[in-house]
Amino acid sequence: MKKYVKQFCIRGLMWAWVGPVIMAIVWMALHGAGVITSLTVNQVVLGIFTMTVMAFIAAGISIVYQIETLPKAFAGLIQAAVLYIDYLGFYLINGWIPVNKIWIFTLIFVGCFTVIWFIIYITVKLKVDKMNKTMGSRQNQY
């Protein structure tokens, strides 16, 4: 368990910078579109802090797929739950979504997570099938 906590922290620290960078790009795009004209110091500080923590958690939680005793589908559910709570919590703290629109966020999150997980699953399955086919043809040569 200790090694998984360590790997969680390492992954989180490696990718924590991504959150604030994405947030800065979104803010620039919103400013360019005239949606945001100015931000307060408090909004910027809160945004940088929360996006750093959010990215740390999002990167670190991928460690669940390395725990061999967990079935991959269960690891996916753990990841989905942690990401959902992570994103929703910080979006609410920052005031980026109103409480009465959580159901819309939930639908979008479930849809996007399912599509991304399915794409990754199919990609890995195709690669494994290709490797198995290659290994099978090599075994037949001997």
C-alpha atoms as a PDB file:
ATOM      1  CA  MET A   1       0.000   0.000   0.000  1.00  0.00           C
ATOM      2  CA  LYS A   2       2.878   2.321   0.826  1.00  0.00           C
ATOM      3  CA  LYS A   3       4.234   2.064  -2.724  1.00  0.00           C
ATOM      4  CA  TYR A   4       0.837   3.046  -4.172  1.00  0.00           C
ATOM      5  CA  VAL A   5       0.621   6.132  -1.968  1.00  0.00           C
ATOM      6  CA  LYS A   6       4.152   7.061  -3.023  1.00  0.00           C
ATOM      7  CA  GLN A   7       3.290   6.561  -6.708  1.00  0.00           C
ATOM      8  CA  PHE A   8       0.073   8.564  -6.250  1.00  0.00           C
ATOM      9  CA  CYS A   9       2.141  11.468  -4.919  1.00  0.00           C
ATOM     10  CA  ILE A  10       4.800  11.164  -7.630  1.00  0.00           C
ATOM     11  CA  ARG A  11       2.194  11.124 -10.417  1.00  0.00           C
ATOM     12  CA  GLY A  12       0.339  14.005  -8.811  1.00  0.00           C
ATOM     13  CA  LEU A  13       3.468  16.115  -8.450  1.00  0.00           C
ATOM     14  CA  MET A  14       4.551  15.380 -12.024  1.00  0.00           C
ATOM     15  CA  TRP A  15       1.261  16.600 -13.506  1.00  0.00           C
ATOM     16  CA  ALA A  16      -0.047  19.175 -11.001  1.00  0.00           C
ATOM     17  CA  TRP A  17       1.180  22.024 -13.224  1.00  0.00           C
ATOM     18  CA  VAL A  18      -1.248  21.051 -16.001  1.00  0.00           C
ATOM     19  CA  GLY A  19      -4.339  22.324 -14.159  1.00  0.00           C
ATOM     20  CA  PRO A  20      -3.254  25.958 -13.830  1.00  0.00           C
ATOM     21  CA  VAL A  21      -1.932  25.991 -17.405  1.00  0.00           C
ATOM     22  CA  ILE A  22      -5.278  24.765 -18.765  1.00  0.00           C
ATOM     23  CA  MET A  23      -7.097  27.264 -16.575  1.00  0.00           C
ATOM     24  CA  ALA A  24      -4.929  30.102 -17.917  1.00  0.00           C
ATOM     25  CA  ILE A  25      -5.702  29.049 -21.503  1.00  0.00           C
ATOM     26  CA  VAL A  26      -9.438  28.925 -20.746  1.00  0.00           C
ATOM     27  CA  TRP A  27      -9.300  32.344 -19.063  1.00  0.00           C
ATOM     28  CA  MET A  28      -7.441  33.790 -22.066  1.00  0.00           C
ATOM     29  CA  ALA A  29     -10.029  32.343 -24.456  1.00  0.00           C
ATOM     30  CA  LEU A  30     -12.903  33.683 -22.333  1.00  0.00           C
ATOM     31  CA  HIS A  31     -11.218  37.076 -22.176  1.00  0.00           C
ATOM     32  CA  GLY A  32     -10.710  37.055 -25.953  1.00  0.00           C
ATOM     33  CA  ALA A  33     -14.406  36.271 -26.412  1.00  0.00           C
ATOM     34  CA  GLY A  34     -15.379  39.108 -24.078  1.00  0.00           C
ATOM     35  CA  VAL A  35     -16.893  36.795 -21.454  1.00  0.00           C
ATOM     36  CA  ILE A  36     -14.329  37.702 -18.773  1.00  0.00           C
ATOM     37  CA  THR A  37     -13.099  41.276 -18.646  1.00  0.00           C
ATOM     38  CA  SER A  38     -11.196  41.121 -15.349  1.00  0.00           C
ATOM     39  CA  LEU A  39     -10.419  38.806 -12.457  1.00  0.00           C
ATOM     40  CA  THR A  40      -9.807  39.709  -8.834  1.00  0.00           C
ATOM     41  CA  VAL A  41      -6.644  38.668  -7.052  1.00  0.00           C
ATOM     42  CA  ASN A  42      -8.725  36.303  -4.904  1.00  0.00           C
ATOM     43  CA  GLN A  43     -10.220  34.624  -8.009  1.00  0.00           C
ATOM     44  CA  VAL A  44      -6.781  34.104  -9.528  1.00  0.00           C
ATOM     45  CA  VAL A  45      -5.206  32.769  -6.320  1.00  0.00           C
ATOM     46  CA  LEU A  46      -8.152  30.456  -5.605  1.00  0.00           C
ATOM     47  CA  GLY A  47      -8.164  29.267  -9.221  1.00  0.00           C
ATOM     48  CA  ILE A  48      -4.425  28.513  -9.270  1.00  0.00           C
ATOM     49  CA  PHE A  49      -4.517  26.711  -5.924  1.00  0.00           C
ATOM     50  CA  THR A  50      -7.635  24.653  -6.624  1.00  0.00           C
ATOM     51  CA  MET A  51      -6.584  23.731 -10.164  1.00  0.00           C
ATOM     52  CA  THR A  52      -3.174  22.592  -8.900  1.00  0.00           C
ATOM     53  CA  VAL A  53      -4.771  20.357  -6.259  1.00  0.00           C
ATOM     54  CA  MET A  54      -7.384  19.140  -8.744  1.00  0.00           C
ATOM     55  CA  ALA A  55      -4.714  18.188 -11.306  1.00  0.00           C
ATOM     56  CA  PHE A  56      -2.617  16.523  -8.569  1.00  0.00           C
ATOM     57  CA  ILE A  57      -5.553  14.304  -7.570  1.00  0.00           C
ATOM     58  CA  ALA A  58      -6.595  13.587 -11.167  1.00  0.00           C
ATOM     59  CA  ALA A  59      -3.077  12.482 -12.109  1.00  0.00           C
ATOM     60  CA  GLY A  60      -2.457  10.530  -8.927  1.00  0.00           C
ATOM     61  CA  ILE A  61      -5.673   8.514  -9.003  1.00  0.00           C
ATOM     62  CA  SER A  62      -4.579   6.731 -12.170  1.00  0.00           C
ATOM     63  CA  ILE A  63      -2.487   4.567  -9.835  1.00  0.00           C
ATOM     64  CA  VAL A  64      -5.589   2.432  -9.221  1.00  0.00           C
ATOM     65  CA  TYR A  65      -4.903   0.637 -12.509  1.00  0.00           C
ATOM     66  CA  GLN A  66      -1.531  -0.540 -11.145  1.00  0.00           C
ATOM     67  CA  ILE A  67      -3.127  -2.375  -8.212  1.00  0.00           C
ATOM     68  CA  GLU A  68      -3.181  -5.910  -9.584  1.00  0.00           C
ATOM     69  CA  THR A  69      -5.758  -7.198  -7.094  1.00  0.00           C
ATOM     70  CA  LEU A  70      -8.372  -4.726  -8.370  1.00  0.00           C
ATOM     71  CA  PRO A  71     -10.413  -5.725 -11.408  1.00  0.00           C
ATOM     72  CA  LYS A  72      -9.986  -3.081 -14.128  1.00  0.00           C
ATOM     73  CA  ALA A  73     -13.696  -2.228 -14.164  1.00  0.00           C
ATOM     74  CA  PHE A  74     -13.665  -1.620 -10.396  1.00  0.00           C
ATOM     75  CA  ALA A  75     -10.498   0.481 -10.753  1.00  0.00           C
ATOM     76  CA  GLY A  76     -12.362   2.486 -13.400  1.00  0.00           C
ATOM     77  CA  LEU A  77     -15.268   3.046 -11.019  1.00  0.00           C
ATOM     78  CA  ILE A  78     -12.895   4.201  -8.278  1.00  0.00           C
ATOM     79  CA  GLN A  79     -11.196   6.573 -10.701  1.00  0.00           C
ATOM     80  CA  ALA A  80     -14.547   7.898 -11.946  1.00  0.00           C
ATOM     81  CA  ALA A  81     -15.826   8.507  -8.406  1.00  0.00           C
ATOM     82  CA  VAL A  82     -12.657  10.280  -7.280  1.00  0.00           C
ATOM     83  CA  LEU A  83     -12.529  12.438 -10.426  1.00  0.00           C
ATOM     84  CA  TYR A  84     -16.225  13.306 -10.133  1.00  0.00           C
ATOM     85  CA  ILE A  85     -15.877  14.407  -6.508  1.00  0.00           C
ATOM     86  CA  ASP A  86     -12.595  16.189  -7.309  1.00  0.00           C
ATOM     87  CA  TYR A  87     -13.952  18.166 -10.265  1.00  0.00           C
ATOM     88  CA  LEU A  88     -17.390  18.887  -8.835  1.00  0.00           C
ATOM     89  CA  GLY A  89     -16.015  20.010  -5.487  1.00  0.00           C
ATOM     90  CA  PHE A  90     -13.509  22.435  -6.953  1.00  0.00           C
ATOM     91  CA  TYR A  91     -15.935  23.739  -9.587  1.00  0.00           C
ATOM     92  CA  LEU A  92     -18.399  24.536  -6.794  1.00  0.00           C
ATOM     93  CA  ILE A  93     -15.705  26.123  -4.602  1.00  0.00           C
ATOM     94  CA  ASN A  94     -14.690  28.389  -7.496  1.00  0.00           C
ATOM     95  CA  GLY A  95     -18.295  29.192  -8.385  1.00  0.00           C
ATOM     96  CA  TRP A  96     -17.825  27.851 -11.918  1.00  0.00           C
ATOM     97  CA  ILE A  97     -21.118  25.948 -11.853  1.00  0.00           C
ATOM     98  CA  PRO A  98     -24.261  26.788  -9.902  1.00  0.00           C
ATOM     99  CA  VAL A  99     -25.623  24.192  -7.482  1.00  0.00           C
ATOM    100  CA  ASN A 100     -28.844  23.857  -9.489  1.00  0.00           C
ATOM    101  CA  LYS A 101     -26.835  22.753 -12.571  1.00  0.00           C
ATOM    102  CA  ILE A 102     -25.005  19.827 -10.938  1.00  0.00           C
ATOM    103  CA  TRP A 103     -27.207  17.392 -12.876  1.00  0.00           C
ATOM    104  CA  ILE A 104     -25.935  18.827 -16.187  1.00  0.00           C
ATOM    105  CA  PHE A 105     -22.328  18.525 -14.979  1.00  0.00           C
ATOM    106  CA  THR A 106     -23.044  14.928 -13.931  1.00  0.00           C
ATOM    107  CA  LEU A 107     -24.455  13.987 -17.338  1.00  0.00           C
ATOM    108  CA  ILE A 108     -21.513  15.554 -19.155  1.00  0.00           C
ATOM    109  CA  PHE A 109     -18.990  13.935 -16.804  1.00  0.00           C
ATOM    110  CA  VAL A 110     -20.510  10.441 -17.098  1.00  0.00           C
ATOM    111  CA  GLY A 111     -20.754  10.742 -20.887  1.00  0.00           C
ATOM    112  CA  CYS A 112     -17.183  11.985 -21.348  1.00  0.00           C
ATOM    113  CA  PHE A 113     -15.672   9.524 -18.867  1.00  0.00           C
ATOM    114  CA  THR A 114     -17.491   6.604 -20.499  1.00  0.00           C
ATOM    115  CA  VAL A 115     -16.398   7.583 -24.010  1.00  0.00           C
ATOM    116  CA  ILE A 116     -12.768   8.127 -22.978  1.00  0.00           C
ATOM    117  CA  TRP A 117     -12.637   4.878 -20.972  1.00  0.00           C
ATOM    118  CA  PHE A 118     -14.204   2.964 -23.887  1.00  0.00           C
ATOM    119  CA  ILE A 119     -11.690   4.412 -26.381  1.00  0.00           C
ATOM    120  CA  ILE A 120      -8.776   3.487 -24.122  1.00  0.00           C
ATOM    121  CA  TYR A 121     -10.203  -0.003 -23.545  1.00  0.00           C
ATOM    122  CA  ILE A 122     -10.638  -0.661 -27.279  1.00  0.00           C
ATOM    123  CA  THR A 123      -7.158   0.697 -28.077  1.00  0.00           C
ATOM    124  CA  VAL A 124      -5.478  -1.492 -25.459  1.00  0.00           C
ATOM    125  CA  LYS A 125      -7.540  -4.526 -26.482  1.00  0.00           C
ATOM    126  CA  LEU A 126      -6.532  -4.124 -30.136  1.00  0.00           C
ATOM    127  CA  LYS A 127      -2.846  -3.827 -29.174  1.00  0.00           C
ATOM    128  CA  VAL A 128      -3.027  -6.900 -26.933  1.00  0.00           C
ATOM    129  CA  ASP A 129      -4.810  -8.899 -29.650  1.00  0.00           C
ATOM    130  CA  LYS A 130      -2.137  -7.863 -32.161  1.00  0.00           C
ATOM    131  CA  MET A 131       0.665  -8.879 -29.771  1.00  0.00           C
ATOM    132  CA  ASN A 132      -1.030 -12.209 -29.053  1.00  0.00           C
ATOM    133  CA  LYS A 133      -1.435 -12.866 -32.772  1.00  0.00           C
ATOM    134  CA  THR A 134       2.242 -12.013 -33.378  1.00  0.00           C
ATOM    135  CA  MET A 135       3.367 -14.252 -30.523  1.00  0.00           C
ATOM    136  CA  GLY A 136       1.081 -17.048 -31.740  1.00  0.00           C
ATOM    137  CA  SER A 137       2.521 -16.946 -35.249  1.00  0.00           C
ATOM    138  CA  ARG A 138       6.065 -16.992 -33.853  1.00  0.00           C
ATOM    139  CA  GLN A 139       5.273 -20.001 -31.655  1.00  0.00           C
ATOM    140  CA  ASN A 140       3.989 -21.874 -34.683  1.00  0.00           C
ATOM    141  CA  GLN A 141       7.348 -21.317 -36.401  1.00  0.00           C
ATOM    142  CA  TYR A 142       9.187 -23.297 -33.694  1.00  0.00           C
END
